[in-house]
């Protein structure tokens, strides 16, 4: 993500707000390097820790959430939360994320670990107000808890114990 932002320093209209606990970033050499890199990139604002009660306000201030995860995810709450708040997501092409984000529909997908591809996706979004509006319109809550409960109840209603339990 930070390397992608470094490729966008020619664009004063593109900024990124980096949230998270700075204390945890400085616990190891990698975190320290990333914090140093972030503080040297024009357009990256280090916001620090936030109160979860402020999440609605924060999403109201951003055009998209970037999730550059490099490993397979299950069902990232940050993505579900963003969609529920009407925020499109730009995510890596890893498992679990692309199950939730449809490229060009409710977000954009970039090749994992490819800073240039992520920068190109950010640039595309910044240059295409119509695309941003489309993604925002389609960024919606995928399911509500009562739907999950109903699905689980159906599964468990038909569940049968094994004929010969081996435990």
N, C-alpha and C. Protein backbone atom coordinates (compact mmCIF):
# COMPACT_ATOMS: atom_id res chain seq x y z
N UNK A 1 0.82 -1.19 0.00
CA UNK A 1 0.00 0.00 0.00
C UNK A 1 0.87 1.26 0.00
N UNK A 2 1.84 1.30 0.91
CA UNK A 2 2.69 2.49 1.00
C UNK A 2 3.55 2.66 -0.25
N UNK A 3 4.02 1.57 -0.80
CA UNK A 3 4.81 1.66 -2.03
C UNK A 3 3.94 2.14 -3.19
N UNK A 4 2.68 1.75 -3.20
CA UNK A 4 1.74 2.24 -4.22
C UNK A 4 1.53 3.74 -4.05
N UNK A 5 1.37 4.19 -2.82
CA UNK A 5 1.19 5.63 -2.58
C UNK A 5 2.44 6.40 -2.99
N UNK A 6 3.61 5.80 -2.82
CA UNK A 6 4.85 6.46 -3.24
C UNK A 6 4.89 6.65 -4.76
N UNK A 7 4.19 5.79 -5.48
CA UNK A 7 4.11 5.92 -6.95
C UNK A 7 3.12 6.99 -7.38
N UNK A 8 2.34 7.50 -6.43
CA UNK A 8 1.30 8.48 -6.74
C UNK A 8 1.63 9.88 -6.23
N UNK A 9 2.87 10.14 -5.90
CA UNK A 9 3.22 11.45 -5.33
C UNK A 9 3.03 12.59 -6.32
N UNK A 10 2.89 12.29 -7.60
CA UNK A 10 2.62 13.33 -8.59
C UNK A 10 1.17 13.82 -8.53
N UNK A 11 0.34 13.11 -7.76
CA UNK A 11 -1.09 13.42 -7.69
C UNK A 11 -1.42 14.05 -6.34
N UNK A 12 -1.60 15.36 -6.33
CA UNK A 12 -1.95 16.04 -5.09
C UNK A 12 -3.40 15.80 -4.70
N UNK A 13 -4.20 15.28 -5.61
CA UNK A 13 -5.61 15.01 -5.33
C UNK A 13 -5.84 13.64 -4.70
N UNK A 14 -4.79 12.84 -4.56
CA UNK A 14 -4.91 11.51 -3.98
C UNK A 14 -4.22 11.51 -2.62
N UNK A 15 -4.99 11.23 -1.59
CA UNK A 15 -4.43 11.14 -0.24
C UNK A 15 -4.89 9.84 0.41
N UNK A 16 -4.17 9.43 1.41
CA UNK A 16 -4.51 8.22 2.14
C UNK A 16 -4.42 8.50 3.63
N UNK A 17 -5.43 8.05 4.35
CA UNK A 17 -5.42 8.15 5.81
C UNK A 17 -5.08 6.77 6.35
N UNK A 18 -3.99 6.68 7.07
CA UNK A 18 -3.50 5.40 7.59
C UNK A 18 -3.85 5.30 9.07
N UNK A 19 -4.78 4.39 9.36
CA UNK A 19 -5.23 4.21 10.75
C UNK A 19 -4.58 2.98 11.35
N UNK A 20 -4.37 3.01 12.64
CA UNK A 20 -3.82 1.88 13.38
C UNK A 20 -2.97 2.36 14.53
N UNK A 21 -2.65 1.44 15.40
CA UNK A 21 -1.88 1.78 16.59
C UNK A 21 -0.40 1.95 16.23
N UNK A 22 0.08 3.15 16.29
CA UNK A 22 1.48 3.40 15.95
C UNK A 22 2.42 2.68 16.90
N UNK A 23 1.98 2.48 18.13
CA UNK A 23 2.83 1.79 19.11
C UNK A 23 3.17 0.39 18.62
N UNK A 24 2.19 -0.30 18.01
CA UNK A 24 2.45 -1.66 17.55
C UNK A 24 3.33 -1.66 16.30
N UNK A 25 3.30 -0.59 15.52
CA UNK A 25 4.14 -0.52 14.33
C UNK A 25 5.61 -0.45 14.69
N UNK A 26 5.92 0.15 15.81
CA UNK A 26 7.33 0.37 16.15
C UNK A 26 7.93 -0.77 16.98
N UNK A 27 7.21 -1.88 17.10
CA UNK A 27 7.72 -2.99 17.91
C UNK A 27 8.74 -3.85 17.18
N UNK A 28 8.77 -3.79 15.86
CA UNK A 28 9.76 -4.58 15.12
C UNK A 28 10.35 -3.74 13.98
N UNK A 29 11.39 -4.26 13.38
CA UNK A 29 12.10 -3.51 12.34
C UNK A 29 11.21 -3.23 11.13
N UNK A 30 10.40 -4.21 10.73
CA UNK A 30 9.52 -4.02 9.57
C UNK A 30 8.53 -2.88 9.85
N UNK A 31 7.89 -2.91 11.01
CA UNK A 31 6.95 -1.86 11.37
C UNK A 31 7.61 -0.49 11.42
N UNK A 32 8.82 -0.45 11.96
CA UNK A 32 9.55 0.82 12.02
C UNK A 32 9.87 1.33 10.61
N UNK A 33 10.26 0.41 9.72
CA UNK A 33 10.54 0.80 8.33
C UNK A 33 9.29 1.33 7.64
N UNK A 34 8.17 0.68 7.88
CA UNK A 34 6.91 1.10 7.24
C UNK A 34 6.44 2.45 7.78
N UNK A 35 6.61 2.67 9.07
CA UNK A 35 6.23 3.95 9.66
C UNK A 35 7.11 5.08 9.10
N UNK A 36 8.39 4.79 8.96
CA UNK A 36 9.31 5.78 8.38
C UNK A 36 8.92 6.06 6.93
N UNK A 37 8.63 5.02 6.17
CA UNK A 37 8.21 5.18 4.78
C UNK A 37 6.94 6.01 4.70
N UNK A 38 5.96 5.69 5.54
CA UNK A 38 4.68 6.40 5.53
C UNK A 38 4.87 7.88 5.82
N UNK A 39 5.71 8.19 6.78
CA UNK A 39 5.88 9.59 7.16
C UNK A 39 6.63 10.38 6.09
N UNK A 40 7.28 9.68 5.14
CA UNK A 40 8.00 10.37 4.08
C UNK A 40 7.24 10.51 2.78
N UNK A 41 6.02 10.02 2.72
CA UNK A 41 5.24 10.06 1.47
C UNK A 41 4.22 11.18 1.55
N UNK A 42 4.34 12.12 0.62
CA UNK A 42 3.36 13.19 0.52
C UNK A 42 2.01 12.56 0.20
N UNK A 43 1.00 12.96 0.90
CA UNK A 43 -0.34 12.43 0.65
C UNK A 43 -0.75 11.35 1.63
N UNK A 44 0.18 10.81 2.40
CA UNK A 44 -0.17 9.81 3.41
C UNK A 44 -0.24 10.51 4.76
N UNK A 45 -1.39 10.42 5.38
CA UNK A 45 -1.59 11.01 6.70
C UNK A 45 -1.69 9.89 7.72
N UNK A 46 -0.84 9.92 8.71
CA UNK A 46 -0.86 8.90 9.76
C UNK A 46 -1.85 9.36 10.82
N UNK A 47 -2.94 8.63 10.93
CA UNK A 47 -4.05 9.03 11.80
C UNK A 47 -3.98 8.38 13.18
N UNK A 48 -3.32 7.25 13.29
CA UNK A 48 -3.23 6.56 14.57
C UNK A 48 -4.47 5.77 14.91
N UNK A 49 -4.57 5.46 16.18
CA UNK A 49 -5.67 4.64 16.69
C UNK A 49 -6.97 5.44 16.68
N UNK A 50 -8.09 4.74 16.48
CA UNK A 50 -9.38 5.42 16.52
C UNK A 50 -10.35 4.64 17.40
N UNK A 51 -11.32 5.34 17.90
CA UNK A 51 -12.37 4.73 18.71
C UNK A 51 -13.35 4.05 17.75
N UNK A 52 -13.65 2.77 17.94
CA UNK A 52 -14.58 2.08 17.06
C UNK A 52 -15.92 2.80 16.88
N UNK A 53 -16.31 3.60 17.84
CA UNK A 53 -17.56 4.36 17.73
C UNK A 53 -17.47 5.41 16.62
N UNK A 54 -16.25 5.74 16.17
CA UNK A 54 -16.04 6.74 15.13
C UNK A 54 -16.01 6.16 13.72
N UNK A 55 -16.22 4.85 13.58
CA UNK A 55 -16.07 4.21 12.28
C UNK A 55 -17.01 4.80 11.22
N UNK A 56 -18.23 5.13 11.60
CA UNK A 56 -19.17 5.69 10.63
C UNK A 56 -18.66 7.05 10.12
N UNK A 57 -18.16 7.87 11.03
CA UNK A 57 -17.62 9.17 10.65
C UNK A 57 -16.40 9.02 9.75
N UNK A 58 -15.52 8.09 10.08
CA UNK A 58 -14.30 7.88 9.29
C UNK A 58 -14.66 7.43 7.87
N UNK A 59 -15.58 6.49 7.76
CA UNK A 59 -15.98 6.03 6.42
C UNK A 59 -16.66 7.14 5.63
N UNK A 60 -17.29 8.04 6.31
CA UNK A 60 -17.90 9.18 5.63
C UNK A 60 -16.88 10.14 5.04
N UNK A 61 -15.63 10.04 5.48
CA UNK A 61 -14.58 10.93 5.01
C UNK A 61 -13.70 10.33 3.92
N UNK A 62 -13.89 9.05 3.61
CA UNK A 62 -13.03 8.40 2.62
C UNK A 62 -13.84 7.98 1.40
N UNK A 63 -13.15 7.89 0.27
CA UNK A 63 -13.81 7.43 -0.95
C UNK A 63 -13.81 5.91 -1.04
N UNK A 64 -12.74 5.28 -0.56
CA UNK A 64 -12.62 3.83 -0.64
C UNK A 64 -11.72 3.33 0.49
N UNK A 65 -11.92 2.08 0.86
CA UNK A 65 -11.06 1.42 1.84
C UNK A 65 -10.12 0.51 1.08
N UNK A 66 -8.84 0.57 1.40
CA UNK A 66 -7.86 -0.30 0.75
C UNK A 66 -7.50 -1.42 1.71
N UNK A 67 -7.64 -2.66 1.22
CA UNK A 67 -7.30 -3.84 2.01
C UNK A 67 -6.25 -4.62 1.22
N UNK A 68 -4.97 -4.37 1.52
CA UNK A 68 -3.89 -5.00 0.74
C UNK A 68 -3.39 -6.31 1.34
N UNK A 69 -4.24 -7.05 1.99
CA UNK A 69 -3.82 -8.28 2.67
C UNK A 69 -3.09 -9.21 1.71
N UNK A 70 -2.05 -9.86 2.20
CA UNK A 70 -1.24 -10.73 1.36
C UNK A 70 -1.49 -12.21 1.63
N UNK A 71 -2.44 -12.52 2.49
CA UNK A 71 -2.75 -13.93 2.76
C UNK A 71 -4.24 -14.17 2.57
N UNK A 72 -4.59 -15.43 2.47
CA UNK A 72 -6.00 -15.78 2.31
C UNK A 72 -6.77 -15.35 3.55
N UNK A 73 -7.90 -14.75 3.34
CA UNK A 73 -8.74 -14.29 4.43
C UNK A 73 -9.98 -15.19 4.49
N UNK A 74 -10.65 -15.17 5.61
CA UNK A 74 -11.88 -15.92 5.74
C UNK A 74 -13.04 -15.07 5.25
N UNK A 75 -13.36 -14.06 6.00
CA UNK A 75 -14.43 -13.13 5.65
C UNK A 75 -14.11 -11.84 6.40
N UNK A 76 -13.23 -11.01 5.85
CA UNK A 76 -12.72 -9.86 6.59
C UNK A 76 -13.80 -8.89 7.06
N UNK A 77 -13.84 -8.69 8.35
CA UNK A 77 -14.84 -7.78 8.92
C UNK A 77 -14.66 -6.36 8.41
N UNK A 78 -13.42 -5.94 8.13
CA UNK A 78 -13.22 -4.59 7.62
C UNK A 78 -13.92 -4.39 6.28
N UNK A 79 -13.93 -5.43 5.46
CA UNK A 79 -14.61 -5.33 4.17
C UNK A 79 -16.12 -5.33 4.38
N UNK A 80 -16.62 -6.22 5.22
CA UNK A 80 -18.06 -6.25 5.48
C UNK A 80 -18.54 -4.93 6.07
N UNK A 81 -17.76 -4.39 6.97
CA UNK A 81 -18.08 -3.11 7.61
C UNK A 81 -18.10 -1.99 6.57
N UNK A 82 -17.10 -1.95 5.71
CA UNK A 82 -17.04 -0.92 4.67
C UNK A 82 -18.27 -0.99 3.76
N UNK A 83 -18.60 -2.18 3.30
CA UNK A 83 -19.75 -2.32 2.41
C UNK A 83 -21.04 -1.91 3.12
N UNK A 84 -21.18 -2.30 4.38
CA UNK A 84 -22.37 -1.93 5.14
C UNK A 84 -22.50 -0.42 5.29
N UNK A 85 -21.36 0.28 5.26
CA UNK A 85 -21.36 1.74 5.39
C UNK A 85 -21.32 2.45 4.04
N UNK A 86 -21.42 1.68 2.94
CA UNK A 86 -21.47 2.27 1.61
C UNK A 86 -20.12 2.70 1.07
N UNK A 87 -19.04 2.12 1.60
CA UNK A 87 -17.69 2.46 1.17
C UNK A 87 -17.15 1.37 0.25
N UNK A 88 -16.83 1.70 -1.00
CA UNK A 88 -16.22 0.70 -1.89
C UNK A 88 -14.86 0.26 -1.34
N UNK A 89 -14.43 -0.93 -1.75
CA UNK A 89 -13.18 -1.49 -1.26
C UNK A 89 -12.25 -1.77 -2.44
N UNK A 90 -10.99 -1.40 -2.26
CA UNK A 90 -9.95 -1.80 -3.20
C UNK A 90 -9.15 -2.87 -2.46
N UNK A 91 -9.21 -4.10 -2.96
CA UNK A 91 -8.56 -5.20 -2.24
C UNK A 91 -7.64 -6.01 -3.14
N UNK A 92 -6.73 -6.73 -2.49
CA UNK A 92 -5.86 -7.66 -3.19
C UNK A 92 -6.70 -8.83 -3.69
N UNK A 93 -6.16 -9.56 -4.63
CA UNK A 93 -6.91 -10.64 -5.26
C UNK A 93 -6.87 -11.96 -4.48
N UNK A 94 -6.67 -11.88 -3.19
CA UNK A 94 -6.60 -13.08 -2.37
C UNK A 94 -7.96 -13.67 -2.04
N UNK A 95 -7.92 -14.95 -1.67
CA UNK A 95 -9.13 -15.66 -1.29
C UNK A 95 -9.82 -14.96 -0.13
N UNK A 96 -11.13 -15.03 -0.12
CA UNK A 96 -11.92 -14.43 0.94
C UNK A 96 -12.30 -13.00 0.65
N UNK A 97 -11.38 -12.25 0.06
CA UNK A 97 -11.68 -10.86 -0.27
C UNK A 97 -12.44 -10.78 -1.59
N UNK A 98 -12.00 -11.54 -2.58
CA UNK A 98 -12.68 -11.51 -3.88
C UNK A 98 -14.01 -12.25 -3.85
N UNK A 99 -14.30 -12.94 -2.77
CA UNK A 99 -15.63 -13.52 -2.59
C UNK A 99 -16.63 -12.41 -2.25
N UNK A 100 -16.13 -11.32 -1.71
CA UNK A 100 -16.98 -10.20 -1.27
C UNK A 100 -16.94 -9.03 -2.25
N UNK A 101 -15.79 -8.82 -2.87
CA UNK A 101 -15.62 -7.67 -3.76
C UNK A 101 -15.62 -8.13 -5.22
N UNK A 102 -16.52 -7.58 -5.98
CA UNK A 102 -16.59 -7.86 -7.42
C UNK A 102 -15.95 -6.67 -8.13
N UNK A 103 -14.88 -6.94 -8.84
CA UNK A 103 -14.12 -5.89 -9.50
C UNK A 103 -15.02 -5.08 -10.44
N UNK A 104 -15.05 -3.77 -10.20
CA UNK A 104 -15.85 -2.87 -11.02
C UNK A 104 -17.30 -2.76 -10.60
N UNK A 105 -17.70 -3.54 -9.59
CA UNK A 105 -19.10 -3.49 -9.13
C UNK A 105 -19.20 -2.79 -7.78
N UNK A 106 -18.59 -3.37 -6.74
CA UNK A 106 -18.62 -2.76 -5.41
C UNK A 106 -17.22 -2.42 -4.90
N UNK A 107 -16.27 -2.52 -5.79
CA UNK A 107 -14.89 -2.21 -5.45
C UNK A 107 -13.98 -2.53 -6.62
N UNK A 108 -12.69 -2.49 -6.35
CA UNK A 108 -11.68 -2.81 -7.36
C UNK A 108 -10.74 -3.84 -6.77
N UNK A 109 -10.19 -4.68 -7.63
CA UNK A 109 -9.28 -5.74 -7.19
C UNK A 109 -7.95 -5.54 -7.90
N UNK A 110 -6.87 -5.67 -7.13
CA UNK A 110 -5.52 -5.56 -7.71
C UNK A 110 -4.73 -6.81 -7.41
N UNK A 111 -3.68 -7.02 -8.18
CA UNK A 111 -2.83 -8.19 -7.99
C UNK A 111 -2.05 -8.07 -6.69
N UNK A 112 -2.17 -9.06 -5.85
CA UNK A 112 -1.51 -9.07 -4.55
C UNK A 112 -0.01 -8.83 -4.68
N UNK A 113 0.52 -8.01 -3.79
CA UNK A 113 1.95 -7.67 -3.72
C UNK A 113 2.43 -6.85 -4.92
N UNK A 114 1.51 -6.31 -5.71
CA UNK A 114 1.88 -5.54 -6.89
C UNK A 114 1.55 -4.07 -6.67
N UNK A 115 2.53 -3.32 -6.19
CA UNK A 115 2.32 -1.90 -5.87
C UNK A 115 1.91 -1.09 -7.08
N UNK A 116 2.48 -1.40 -8.23
CA UNK A 116 2.14 -0.66 -9.45
C UNK A 116 0.68 -0.90 -9.83
N UNK A 117 0.20 -2.13 -9.68
CA UNK A 117 -1.19 -2.42 -10.01
C UNK A 117 -2.14 -1.71 -9.04
N UNK A 118 -1.79 -1.72 -7.76
CA UNK A 118 -2.61 -1.00 -6.78
C UNK A 118 -2.62 0.50 -7.10
N UNK A 119 -1.47 1.05 -7.41
CA UNK A 119 -1.40 2.49 -7.76
C UNK A 119 -2.26 2.78 -8.98
N UNK A 120 -2.24 1.88 -9.96
CA UNK A 120 -3.05 2.08 -11.16
C UNK A 120 -4.54 2.06 -10.83
N UNK A 121 -4.94 1.17 -9.92
CA UNK A 121 -6.35 1.09 -9.52
C UNK A 121 -6.77 2.36 -8.78
N UNK A 122 -5.92 2.84 -7.90
CA UNK A 122 -6.22 4.09 -7.18
C UNK A 122 -6.32 5.24 -8.17
N UNK A 123 -5.40 5.29 -9.10
CA UNK A 123 -5.39 6.35 -10.11
C UNK A 123 -6.68 6.29 -10.95
N UNK A 124 -7.07 5.09 -11.35
CA UNK A 124 -8.30 4.91 -12.14
C UNK A 124 -9.50 5.44 -11.37
N UNK A 125 -9.57 5.11 -10.10
CA UNK A 125 -10.70 5.56 -9.28
C UNK A 125 -10.71 7.08 -9.16
N UNK A 126 -9.54 7.66 -8.96
CA UNK A 126 -9.45 9.13 -8.83
C UNK A 126 -9.81 9.84 -10.14
N UNK A 127 -9.54 9.20 -11.25
CA UNK A 127 -9.79 9.81 -12.55
C UNK A 127 -11.19 9.53 -13.10
N UNK A 128 -11.97 8.72 -12.40
CA UNK A 128 -13.28 8.30 -12.92
C UNK A 128 -14.39 8.54 -11.90
N UNK A 129 -14.89 9.79 -11.80
CA UNK A 129 -15.94 10.07 -10.82
C UNK A 129 -17.19 9.19 -11.02
N UNK A 130 -17.48 8.85 -12.27
CA UNK A 130 -18.62 7.99 -12.54
C UNK A 130 -18.42 6.59 -11.96
N UNK A 131 -17.19 6.10 -12.05
CA UNK A 131 -16.88 4.79 -11.48
C UNK A 131 -17.01 4.83 -9.96
N UNK A 132 -16.48 5.87 -9.34
CA UNK A 132 -16.60 6.00 -7.89
C UNK A 132 -18.06 6.00 -7.47
N UNK A 133 -18.88 6.75 -8.16
CA UNK A 133 -20.31 6.81 -7.82
C UNK A 133 -20.96 5.43 -7.98
N UNK A 134 -20.62 4.72 -9.05
CA UNK A 134 -21.17 3.37 -9.26
C UNK A 134 -20.76 2.43 -8.13
N UNK A 135 -19.47 2.47 -7.77
CA UNK A 135 -18.99 1.59 -6.70
C UNK A 135 -19.65 1.93 -5.37
N UNK A 136 -19.83 3.22 -5.09
CA UNK A 136 -20.49 3.63 -3.85
C UNK A 136 -21.94 3.15 -3.83
N UNK A 137 -22.62 3.25 -4.95
CA UNK A 137 -24.02 2.78 -5.04
C UNK A 137 -24.11 1.28 -4.78
N UNK A 138 -23.14 0.54 -5.30
CA UNK A 138 -23.17 -0.92 -5.16
C UNK A 138 -22.51 -1.45 -3.89
N UNK A 139 -21.86 -0.58 -3.14
CA UNK A 139 -21.27 -0.99 -1.86
C UNK A 139 -22.40 -1.05 -0.84
N UNK A 140 -22.87 -2.25 -0.60
CA UNK A 140 -24.02 -2.44 0.28
C UNK A 140 -23.77 -3.61 1.22
N UNK A 141 -24.49 -3.61 2.29
CA UNK A 141 -24.43 -4.71 3.25
C UNK A 141 -24.82 -6.00 2.53
N UNK A 142 -23.97 -7.01 2.61
CA UNK A 142 -24.22 -8.24 1.88
C UNK A 142 -25.26 -9.13 2.54
N UNK A 143 -25.22 -9.18 3.84
CA UNK A 143 -26.15 -10.01 4.60
C UNK A 143 -26.32 -9.40 5.98
N UNK A 144 -27.44 -9.67 6.58
CA UNK A 144 -27.64 -9.25 7.96
C UNK A 144 -27.63 -10.49 8.84
N UNK A 145 -27.40 -10.30 10.11
CA UNK A 145 -27.21 -11.42 11.03
C UNK A 145 -28.40 -12.38 11.04
N UNK A 146 -29.60 -11.86 10.89
CA UNK A 146 -30.76 -12.75 10.90
C UNK A 146 -30.74 -13.71 9.71
N UNK A 147 -30.15 -13.29 8.58
CA UNK A 147 -30.01 -14.19 7.44
C UNK A 147 -29.01 -15.30 7.75
N UNK A 148 -27.92 -14.95 8.39
CA UNK A 148 -26.95 -15.98 8.79
C UNK A 148 -27.56 -16.96 9.77
N UNK A 149 -28.31 -16.45 10.73
CA UNK A 149 -28.95 -17.32 11.72
C UNK A 149 -29.90 -18.29 11.02
N UNK A 150 -30.70 -17.79 10.10
CA UNK A 150 -31.65 -18.65 9.38
C UNK A 150 -30.92 -19.75 8.61
N UNK A 151 -29.79 -19.40 7.98
CA UNK A 151 -29.00 -20.40 7.24
C UNK A 151 -28.45 -21.47 8.18
N UNK A 152 -27.90 -21.05 9.30
CA UNK A 152 -27.36 -22.01 10.27
C UNK A 152 -28.46 -22.89 10.84
N UNK A 153 -29.62 -22.33 11.12
CA UNK A 153 -30.73 -23.12 11.64
C UNK A 153 -31.15 -24.19 10.64
N UNK A 154 -31.16 -23.85 9.36
CA UNK A 154 -31.49 -24.84 8.32
C UNK A 154 -30.48 -25.98 8.30
N UNK A 155 -29.22 -25.62 8.39
CA UNK A 155 -28.16 -26.63 8.37
C UNK A 155 -28.29 -27.56 9.56
N UNK A 156 -28.45 -26.98 10.76
CA UNK A 156 -28.51 -27.79 11.97
C UNK A 156 -29.82 -28.58 12.08
N UNK A 157 -30.88 -28.09 11.49
CA UNK A 157 -32.16 -28.81 11.53
C UNK A 157 -32.06 -30.14 10.78
N UNK A 158 -31.21 -30.20 9.78
CA UNK A 158 -31.08 -31.41 8.97
C UNK A 158 -29.82 -32.20 9.30
N UNK A 159 -29.07 -31.74 10.27
CA UNK A 159 -27.83 -32.44 10.64
C UNK A 159 -28.16 -33.73 11.39
N UNK A 160 -27.41 -34.77 11.07
CA UNK A 160 -27.59 -36.06 11.73
C UNK A 160 -26.24 -36.51 12.26
N UNK A 161 -26.26 -37.16 13.42
CA UNK A 161 -24.98 -37.66 13.94
C UNK A 161 -24.49 -38.81 13.06
N UNK A 162 -23.19 -39.02 13.01
CA UNK A 162 -22.67 -40.12 12.21
C UNK A 162 -23.20 -41.45 12.73
N UNK A 163 -23.41 -42.42 11.84
CA UNK A 163 -23.93 -43.73 12.21
C UNK A 163 -22.97 -44.47 13.14
N UNK A 164 -21.70 -44.31 12.90
CA UNK A 164 -20.69 -44.99 13.72
C UNK A 164 -19.65 -43.98 14.17
N UNK A 165 -19.97 -43.21 15.24
CA UNK A 165 -19.01 -42.20 15.67
C UNK A 165 -17.67 -42.84 16.06
N UNK A 166 -16.61 -42.21 15.62
CA UNK A 166 -15.26 -42.71 15.87
C UNK A 166 -14.57 -41.96 17.01
N UNK A 167 -15.28 -41.34 17.90
CA UNK A 167 -14.70 -40.50 18.94
C UNK A 167 -15.02 -41.03 20.22
